[in-house]
Protein backbone atom coordinates (compact mmCIF):
# COMPACT_ATOMS: atom_id res chain seq x y z
CA MET A 1 0.00 0.00 0.00
CA VAL A 2 2.91 2.34 0.68
CA SER A 3 4.24 1.86 -2.86
CA LYS A 4 0.79 2.58 -4.26
CA ALA A 5 0.62 5.75 -2.15
CA LYS A 6 4.03 6.82 -3.45
CA ASP A 7 2.91 6.30 -7.06
CA MET A 8 -0.25 8.26 -6.35
CA ILE A 9 1.71 11.14 -4.80
CA LYS A 10 4.12 11.13 -7.77
CA SER A 11 1.15 11.44 -10.17
CA LEU A 12 -0.27 14.25 -8.05
CA LYS A 13 3.04 16.07 -8.20
CA PHE A 14 3.08 15.83 -11.98
CA SER A 15 -0.47 17.18 -12.11
CA VAL A 16 0.23 20.00 -9.69
CA HIS A 17 3.46 21.11 -11.35
CA SER A 18 2.03 21.07 -14.88
CA PRO A 19 1.94 24.52 -16.51
CA SER A 20 -1.84 24.69 -16.78
CA SER A 21 -2.64 23.61 -13.26
CA SER A 22 -4.30 26.12 -10.98
CA SER A 23 -2.78 27.06 -7.65
CA SER A 24 -6.07 27.06 -5.78
CA ILE A 25 -5.90 23.36 -4.97
CA PHE A 26 -5.45 22.62 -1.29
CA LEU A 27 -2.19 20.63 -1.64
CA LEU A 28 0.12 22.17 0.90
CA SER A 29 2.17 19.11 1.78
CA LEU A 30 2.36 16.00 -0.36
CA ARG A 31 3.40 13.09 1.82
CA ASN A 32 2.10 9.70 2.92
CA TYR A 33 -0.94 11.44 4.32
CA PHE A 34 -3.52 8.85 3.36
CA VAL A 35 -1.45 5.86 4.50
CA SER A 36 -0.30 6.56 8.03
CA SER A 37 -0.82 9.69 10.09
CA PRO A 38 -0.79 10.48 13.82
CA PHE A 39 -4.15 12.22 13.31
CA THR A 40 -5.99 9.15 11.98
CA ALA A 41 -7.74 8.26 15.24
CA SER A 42 -8.57 11.82 16.37
CA ASN A 43 -9.07 13.80 13.14
CA SER A 44 -10.30 11.43 10.44
CA GLY A 45 -12.73 14.10 9.23
CA GLU A 46 -9.82 16.28 8.09
CA GLN A 47 -8.38 13.40 6.07
CA PHE A 48 -11.77 12.65 4.49
CA PHE A 49 -12.27 16.32 3.56
CA MET A 50 -8.76 16.46 2.05
CA PHE A 51 -9.51 13.28 0.08
CA THR A 52 -12.78 14.68 -1.32
CA ILE A 53 -11.12 17.98 -2.35
CA ILE A 54 -8.26 16.22 -4.16
CA ALA A 55 -10.66 13.76 -5.82
CA SER A 56 -12.94 16.57 -7.07
CA TRP A 57 -9.93 18.52 -8.39
CA LEU A 58 -8.61 15.44 -10.23
CA ILE A 59 -12.05 14.73 -11.73
CA ASN A 60 -12.19 18.31 -13.03
CA LYS A 61 -8.68 17.96 -14.45
CA ALA A 62 -9.74 14.74 -16.16
CA GLY A 63 -12.32 16.67 -18.16
CA ARG A 64 -15.51 15.99 -16.22
CA PRO A 65 -17.32 18.78 -14.34
CA PHE A 66 -17.54 18.06 -10.64
CA THR A 67 -18.60 20.43 -7.87
CA GLN A 68 -16.07 20.79 -5.10
CA PRO A 69 -17.59 19.29 -1.91
CA GLN A 70 -17.86 21.30 1.27
CA GLU A 71 -16.74 20.24 4.71
CA TYR A 72 -20.28 19.74 6.07
CA ASP A 73 -21.73 17.85 3.09
CA GLU A 74 -23.22 14.39 3.49
CA PRO A 75 -20.30 11.89 3.36
CA ASN A 76 -22.37 9.12 1.77
CA ALA A 77 -23.55 11.35 -1.07
CA THR A 78 -20.03 12.69 -1.67
CA VAL A 79 -18.52 9.19 -1.78
CA SER A 80 -21.29 7.97 -4.10
CA ASN A 81 -20.66 10.85 -6.52
CA ILE A 82 -16.89 10.20 -6.55
CA LEU A 83 -17.39 6.47 -7.19
CA ALA A 84 -19.90 7.24 -9.95
CA GLU A 85 -17.32 9.44 -11.70
CA LEU A 86 -14.70 6.71 -11.20
CA ARG A 87 -16.99 4.14 -12.84
CA ALA A 88 -17.59 6.59 -15.68
CA PHE A 89 -13.85 6.41 -16.43
CA GLY A 90 -14.18 2.62 -16.78
CA VAL A 91 -12.60 1.74 -13.45
CA LYS A 92 -14.01 -1.34 -11.73
CA VAL A 93 -15.05 -0.63 -8.12
CA ASP A 94 -15.10 -3.86 -6.10
CA PHE A 95 -15.19 -2.45 -2.55
CA PRO A 96 -17.99 -0.90 -0.46
CA PRO A 97 -18.26 2.92 -0.25
CA SER A 98 -17.82 2.81 3.52
CA LYS A 99 -14.09 2.05 3.01
CA LEU A 100 -13.57 5.65 1.84
CA LYS A 101 -15.21 7.36 4.84
CA SER A 102 -12.13 7.02 7.03
CA GLY A 103 -10.13 9.20 4.64
CA SER A 104 -7.14 6.85 4.73
CA GLY A 105 -6.24 3.36 3.66
CA GLU A 106 -5.58 1.27 0.58
CA HIS A 107 -8.87 2.05 -1.17
CA VAL A 108 -8.43 5.83 -0.77
CA CYS A 109 -4.97 5.61 -2.34
CA HIS A 110 -6.36 3.40 -5.12
CA VAL A 111 -9.10 5.93 -6.00
CA LEU A 112 -6.70 8.89 -6.01
CA ASP A 113 -4.17 6.92 -8.06
CA ARG A 114 -6.69 6.06 -10.78
CA LEU A 115 -8.07 9.61 -10.86
CA ALA A 116 -4.53 11.00 -11.17
CA GLU A 117 -3.85 8.62 -14.07
CA GLU A 118 -7.03 9.79 -15.82
CA ALA A 119 -6.02 13.43 -15.28
CA LEU A 120 -2.57 12.79 -16.78
CA LYS A 121 -4.14 10.96 -19.75
CA ARG A 122 -6.41 13.94 -20.32
CA ARG A 123 -3.41 16.28 -20.49
CA ASN A 124 -1.40 13.89 -22.72
CA PHE A 125 1.37 13.80 -20.17
CA SER A 126 4.34 11.57 -20.96
CA LEU A 127 7.54 10.91 -19.08
CA ARG A 128 10.78 11.83 -20.82
CA ARG A 129 14.22 10.50 -20.22
CA PRO A 130 15.95 12.54 -17.51
CA ASN A 131 19.05 14.60 -18.35
CA TYR A 132 21.66 14.22 -15.66
CA PRO A 133 24.00 17.25 -15.32
CA THR A 134 27.71 16.64 -15.23
CA GLU A 135 28.94 17.22 -11.75
CA THR A 136 32.53 18.04 -10.85
CA THR A 137 33.61 15.95 -7.93
CA GLU A 138 35.82 17.84 -5.57
CA GLU A 139 38.17 15.91 -3.40
CA GLU A 140 37.58 16.78 0.18
CA SER A 141 40.54 16.62 2.47
CA VAL A 142 39.71 14.68 5.57
CA LEU A 143 41.80 15.62 8.59
CA GLU A 144 42.37 12.68 10.83
CA ASP A 145 44.18 12.64 14.08
CA ASP A 146 47.26 10.47 13.62
CA ALA A 147 47.63 10.09 17.37
CA GLU A 148 44.32 8.22 17.67
CA LEU A 149 43.79 5.21 15.48
CA THR A 150 41.08 2.65 15.79
CA LEU A 151 42.07 -0.89 16.51
CA SER A 152 40.49 -2.09 13.28
CA LYS A 153 42.76 0.15 11.17
CA VAL A 154 45.84 -1.04 12.99
CA GLU A 155 44.83 -4.66 12.44
CA GLU A 156 44.25 -4.04 8.73
CA GLU A 157 47.69 -2.47 8.36
CA MET A 158 49.31 -5.33 10.23
CA ILE A 159 47.51 -7.89 8.06
CA VAL A 160 48.57 -6.11 4.89
CA ARG A 161 52.18 -5.94 6.05
CA GLU A 162 52.43 -9.48 7.38
CA GLU A 163 50.36 -11.23 4.68
CA PRO A 164 52.75 -13.12 2.37
CA ASP A 165 52.12 -13.46 -1.28
CA ASP A 166 51.71 -17.21 -1.65
CA GLU A 167 51.72 -17.14 -5.42
CA GLU A 168 54.87 -15.04 -5.87
CA GLU A 169 56.80 -16.19 -2.81
CA HIS A 170 58.81 -18.89 -4.60
CA LEU A 171 59.09 -17.13 -7.98
CA VAL A 172 62.34 -15.46 -8.97
CA ASP A 173 62.40 -12.51 -11.32
CA LEU A 174 65.16 -13.70 -13.69
CA GLU A 175 65.06 -10.60 -15.87
CA ALA A 176 65.59 -8.34 -12.87
CA LEU A 177 68.50 -10.46 -11.66
CA LYS A 178 70.05 -10.48 -15.13
CA SER A 179 69.78 -6.72 -15.54
CA ARG A 180 71.15 -6.22 -12.04
CA THR A 181 74.18 -8.40 -12.69
CA THR A 182 74.90 -6.72 -16.01
CA HIS A 183 74.59 -3.32 -14.37
CA ASN A 184 76.95 -4.32 -11.59
CA GLU A 185 79.47 -5.59 -14.10
CA ALA A 186 79.26 -2.52 -16.32
CA GLU A 187 79.49 0.13 -13.59
CA PRO A 188 82.14 0.27 -10.96
CA SER A 189 81.16 -0.30 -7.38
CA SER A 190 79.83 2.83 -5.63
CA ARG A 191 80.34 1.38 -2.15
CA PRO A 192 82.42 3.73 -0.01
CA GLU A 193 85.73 2.28 0.98
CA GLU A 194 86.02 4.41 4.16
CA ILE A 195 84.04 3.94 7.41
CA LEU A 196 81.01 6.22 7.62
CA GLU A 197 80.90 8.50 10.62
CA SER A 198 77.91 10.58 11.83
CA SER A 199 78.36 14.30 12.03
CA VAL A 200 75.26 14.83 14.28
CA ASP A 201 75.78 15.72 17.90
CA ALA A 202 74.47 13.10 20.34
CA ALA A 203 72.90 15.72 22.62
CA GLU A 204 71.00 17.34 19.76
CA TRP A 205 69.88 13.89 18.61
CA ASN A 206 68.53 13.08 22.09
CA LEU A 207 66.70 16.42 22.25
CA GLU A 208 65.14 15.81 18.86
CA VAL A 209 64.09 12.31 19.93
CA GLU A 210 62.50 13.67 23.12
CA ARG A 211 60.67 16.32 21.09
CA VAL A 212 59.31 13.89 18.49
CA LEU A 213 58.60 11.03 20.92
CA PRO A 214 55.07 12.20 21.99
CA GLN A 215 54.05 12.42 18.33
CA LEU A 216 55.25 8.88 17.65
CA LYS A 217 52.98 7.35 20.28
CA VAL A 218 49.98 5.46 18.91
CA THR A 219 46.87 5.58 21.09
CA ILE A 220 44.48 2.73 20.35
CA ARG A 221 40.89 3.31 21.32
CA PRO A 222 39.31 0.26 22.99
CA ASP A 223 36.58 -1.43 20.98
CA ASN A 224 33.93 -3.39 22.87
CA LYS A 225 33.45 -5.69 19.90
CA ASP A 226 37.09 -6.76 19.89
CA TRP A 227 37.69 -10.29 21.16
CA ARG A 228 40.96 -9.27 22.83
CA VAL A 229 39.08 -7.05 25.28
CA HIS A 230 36.83 -9.95 26.20
CA VAL A 231 39.80 -12.26 26.59
CA ASP A 232 41.42 -9.83 29.02
CA GLU A 233 38.18 -9.63 30.95
CA MET A 234 37.97 -13.42 31.02
CA HIS A 235 41.49 -13.64 32.42
CA GLN A 236 40.65 -11.08 35.08
CA HIS A 237 37.50 -12.94 36.07
CA ARG A 238 39.40 -16.22 36.14
CA ASP A 239 42.00 -14.75 38.52
CA ARG A 240 39.27 -13.39 40.76
CA ILE A 241 37.51 -16.77 40.77
CA LYS A 242 40.76 -18.50 41.71
CA LEU A 243 41.32 -16.09 44.59
CA SER A 244 37.78 -16.43 45.90
CA LEU A 245 37.75 -20.20 45.31
CA LYS A 246 40.36 -20.84 48.02
CA ASP A 247 38.28 -19.33 50.81
CA THR A 248 35.03 -20.64 49.38
CA LYS A 249 36.37 -24.17 48.97
CA SER A 250 37.49 -24.38 52.60
CA TYR A 251 34.12 -23.06 53.75
CA LEU A 252 32.28 -25.52 51.50
CA ASP A 253 34.41 -28.43 52.77
CA LYS A 254 33.54 -27.55 56.35
CA LEU A 255 29.89 -27.23 55.42
CA GLN A 256 30.01 -30.63 53.69
CA GLU A 257 31.49 -32.26 56.80
CA GLU A 258 28.84 -30.70 59.04
CA ILE A 259 26.05 -31.76 56.69
CA GLY A 260 27.43 -35.33 56.56
CA LYS A 261 27.58 -35.54 60.36
CA THR A 262 24.07 -34.17 60.65
CA LEU A 263 22.76 -36.69 58.12
CA GLU A 264 24.39 -39.54 60.05
CA LYS A 265 22.78 -38.32 63.27
CA VAL A 266 19.42 -38.03 61.57
CA SER A 267 19.65 -41.54 60.09
CA SER A 268 20.67 -43.08 63.44
CA ARG A 269 17.87 -41.22 65.21
CA GLU A 270 15.41 -42.39 62.58
CA LYS A 271 16.46 -46.01 63.07
CA TYR A 272 16.07 -45.67 66.87
CA ILE A 273 12.61 -44.13 66.51
CA ASN A 274 11.54 -46.85 64.08
CA ASN A 275 12.67 -49.56 66.51
CA GLN A 276 10.92 -47.92 69.46
CA LEU A 277 7.69 -47.21 67.61
CA GLU A 278 7.38 -50.47 65.70
CA LEU A 279 4.53 -51.73 67.93
CA LEU A 280 2.67 -48.45 67.59
CA VAL A 281 3.13 -48.54 63.83
CA GLN A 282 1.63 -52.02 63.67
CA GLU A 283 -1.31 -50.91 65.82
CA HIS A 284 -1.77 -47.92 63.56
CA ARG A 285 -1.78 -50.17 60.49
CA SER A 286 -4.40 -52.48 62.03
CA ALA A 287 -6.51 -49.46 62.97
CA GLN A 288 -6.23 -48.18 59.41
CA ALA A 289 -7.39 -51.56 58.08
CA LYS A 290 -10.38 -51.56 60.46
CA LEU A 291 -11.20 -48.02 59.45
CA SER A 292 -11.18 -48.94 55.77
CA GLU A 293 -13.50 -51.90 56.47
CA ALA A 294 -15.86 -49.67 58.44
CA LYS A 295 -15.90 -47.12 55.61
CA GLU A 296 -16.73 -49.86 53.12
CA ARG A 297 -19.62 -51.11 55.31
CA TYR A 298 -20.81 -47.53 55.72
CA GLN A 299 -20.81 -47.03 51.95
CA GLN A 300 -22.81 -50.22 51.46
CA GLY A 301 -25.30 -49.22 54.17
CA SER A 302 -25.60 -45.71 52.81
CA GLY A 303 -26.34 -47.18 49.38
CA GLY A 304 -29.23 -49.26 50.83
CA VAL A 305 -30.54 -46.23 52.71
CA THR A 306 -30.51 -44.22 49.51
CA GLU A 307 -32.51 -46.88 47.66
CA ARG A 308 -35.05 -47.12 50.50
CA THR A 309 -35.32 -43.34 50.61
CA ARG A 310 -36.16 -43.30 46.91
CA VAL A 311 -38.84 -45.99 47.38
CA LEU A 312 -40.28 -44.03 50.32
CA ALA A 313 -40.46 -40.89 48.17
CA GLU A 314 -42.37 -42.78 45.45
CA ILE A 315 -44.83 -44.24 48.00
CA SER A 316 -45.32 -40.81 49.57
CA GLU A 317 -46.08 -39.34 46.16
CA GLU A 318 -48.68 -42.06 45.43
CA LEU A 319 -50.23 -41.50 48.87
CA ASP A 320 -50.53 -37.78 48.19
CA LYS A 321 -52.30 -38.51 44.91
CA VAL A 322 -54.79 -40.87 46.65
CA LYS A 323 -55.46 -38.29 49.36
CA GLN A 324 -56.10 -35.61 46.74
CA GLU A 325 -58.55 -37.88 44.88
CA MET A 326 -60.36 -38.70 48.14
CA GLU A 327 -60.63 -35.02 49.00
CA GLU A 328 -62.04 -34.21 45.56
CA LYS A 329 -64.64 -37.01 45.81
CA GLY A 330 -65.60 -35.99 49.34
CA SER A 331 -66.04 -32.37 48.34
CA SER A 332 -68.16 -33.40 45.33
CA MET A 333 -70.36 -35.60 47.56
CA SER A 334 -70.83 -32.94 50.22
CA ASP A 335 -72.12 -30.18 47.91
CA GLY A 336 -75.18 -30.38 45.51
CA ALA A 337 -73.28 -29.68 42.36
CA GLN A 338 -73.75 -33.22 41.05
CA VAL A 339 -77.49 -33.18 41.78
CA VAL A 340 -77.88 -29.93 39.92
CA LYS A 341 -75.99 -31.39 36.99
CA ILE A 342 -78.30 -34.46 37.00
CA LYS A 343 -81.45 -32.29 37.04
CA GLN A 344 -80.12 -30.20 34.19
CA SER A 345 -79.40 -33.37 32.22
CA LEU A 346 -82.95 -34.69 32.85
CA THR A 347 -84.50 -31.42 31.72
CA LYS A 348 -82.42 -31.51 28.61
CA LEU A 349 -83.47 -35.11 27.92
CA ARG A 350 -87.19 -34.21 28.32
CA GLN A 351 -86.78 -31.36 25.84
CA GLU A 352 -85.08 -33.67 23.38
CA VAL A 353 -87.90 -36.29 23.84
CA VAL A 354 -90.57 -33.67 23.09
CA GLN A 355 -88.68 -32.59 19.99
CA MET A 356 -88.40 -36.22 18.87
CA ASP A 357 -92.17 -36.75 19.44
CA VAL A 358 -92.97 -33.73 17.30
CA ARG A 359 -90.65 -34.97 14.58
CA ILE A 360 -92.23 -38.45 14.76
CA GLY A 361 -95.76 -36.93 14.43
CA VAL A 362 -94.73 -34.90 11.42
CA VAL A 363 -93.20 -37.97 9.80
CA GLU A 364 -96.35 -40.07 10.54
CA HIS A 365 -98.60 -37.37 9.07
CA THR A 366 -96.44 -37.15 5.94
CA LEU A 367 -96.48 -40.93 5.63
CA LEU A 368 -100.29 -41.03 6.03
CA GLN A 369 -100.78 -38.44 3.32
CA ALA A 370 -98.50 -40.38 1.00
CA LYS A 371 -100.47 -43.58 1.64
CA LEU A 372 -103.83 -41.84 1.03
CA LYS A 373 -102.57 -40.34 -2.19
CA GLU A 374 -101.31 -43.67 -3.37
CA LYS A 375 -104.64 -45.31 -2.45
CA SER A 376 -106.65 -42.69 -4.42
CA ASN A 377 -104.43 -43.20 -7.42
CA MET A 378 -104.95 -46.93 -7.31
CA THR A 379 -108.74 -46.49 -7.06
CA ARG A 380 -108.79 -44.18 -10.05
CA ASP A 381 -106.81 -46.65 -12.09
CA MET A 382 -109.19 -49.45 -11.20
CA HIS A 383 -112.30 -47.44 -12.21
CA ALA A 384 -110.68 -46.49 -15.50
CA THR A 385 -110.08 -50.12 -16.48
CA SER A 386 -113.68 -51.28 -15.55
CA LEU A 387 -115.65 -48.81 -17.92
CA PRO A 388 -117.01 -50.11 -21.37
CA GLU A 389 -115.22 -49.24 -24.51
CA PRO A 390 -117.98 -47.01 -26.13
CA ALA A 391 -118.36 -45.00 -23.04
CA ALA A 392 -114.63 -44.73 -22.86
CA ALA A 393 -114.49 -43.59 -26.48
CA ALA A 394 -117.26 -41.02 -25.91
CA ALA A 395 -115.51 -39.81 -22.84
CA ALA A 396 -112.28 -39.59 -24.77
CA ALA A 397 -114.00 -37.68 -27.60
CA MET A 398 -115.61 -35.39 -25.10
CA TYR A 399 -112.31 -34.71 -23.44
CA ALA A 400 -110.73 -34.20 -26.86
């Protein structure tokens, strides 16, 4: 996310420093403002307002009109408008709008980065190869104190001086030897034949040595990482341990002797007590065995008591039920509620009997009428069949 924020800020810098950009934009300090800030927890509103201002400015620079939001505008509406413009540029938005309300985070940097890219595309901005100016390097003289050298430098110099060249150690430069021999043969010897004597006064030499001697001293600063310092400390600690070990060893030897004597006394006393208390120990063991047997019998008896208590509880519950039923029956027999119910039932039965009698009478009357009708029909049919044929024909002609 930090790299994305850096790319976003770089794009913003290009947009701000372009020739046609206005100076009214509220970009006072371009930094990792939307990634990490000490004001995130206490002043997130300021970050959100800064985000909305920069987003509106970038949308305007990208060629789409967008009204600059105010500080007291509705955050949801502002975020929705910004995301709508972002979708209009063809950017896929796959995160909820609530991620932008904090004013900081990965999604805020992503939105500003894409808007900055669209603004740069609108202005046809392209990066050109940078031209590096030729710089003249000036050698700076570093003044070092020759009297104080670090131990690492001294070691490096010693290694360089003492390190042999393994490859060229056994090689002989024949050409150099040949030229040297020919030179010695051609030229006469320049070695002085007389004994050399010094013309310098010994007193002056001693004075010069005393004067130069302080400058020839090499002061090595101690380095805590150097193993030699730790070795010296180890030797010092070892000497101290040896000195303190003498007194401590004698004291520990005395303490060991006293502890051994005390242990012997304790063991002998323990044997004496065991011999004296052997009878009591046996009695105690027998008492423990009896106690364990009594506990076992108690557990068995308590188990039987528990079972009998459960049976007693069941019997008591059944007895309570029987008592309750007896009380209900006694109360019902003492009052006249049952008699009243019987009288009401009898009255209801009488009413139902009367209704059934009425229904039976109606059915009998209907049945009687049906029988009479059937009887009259049969009589009519019989009379019709017994008449003579001329009379029947005359009657039929008359009816016709």
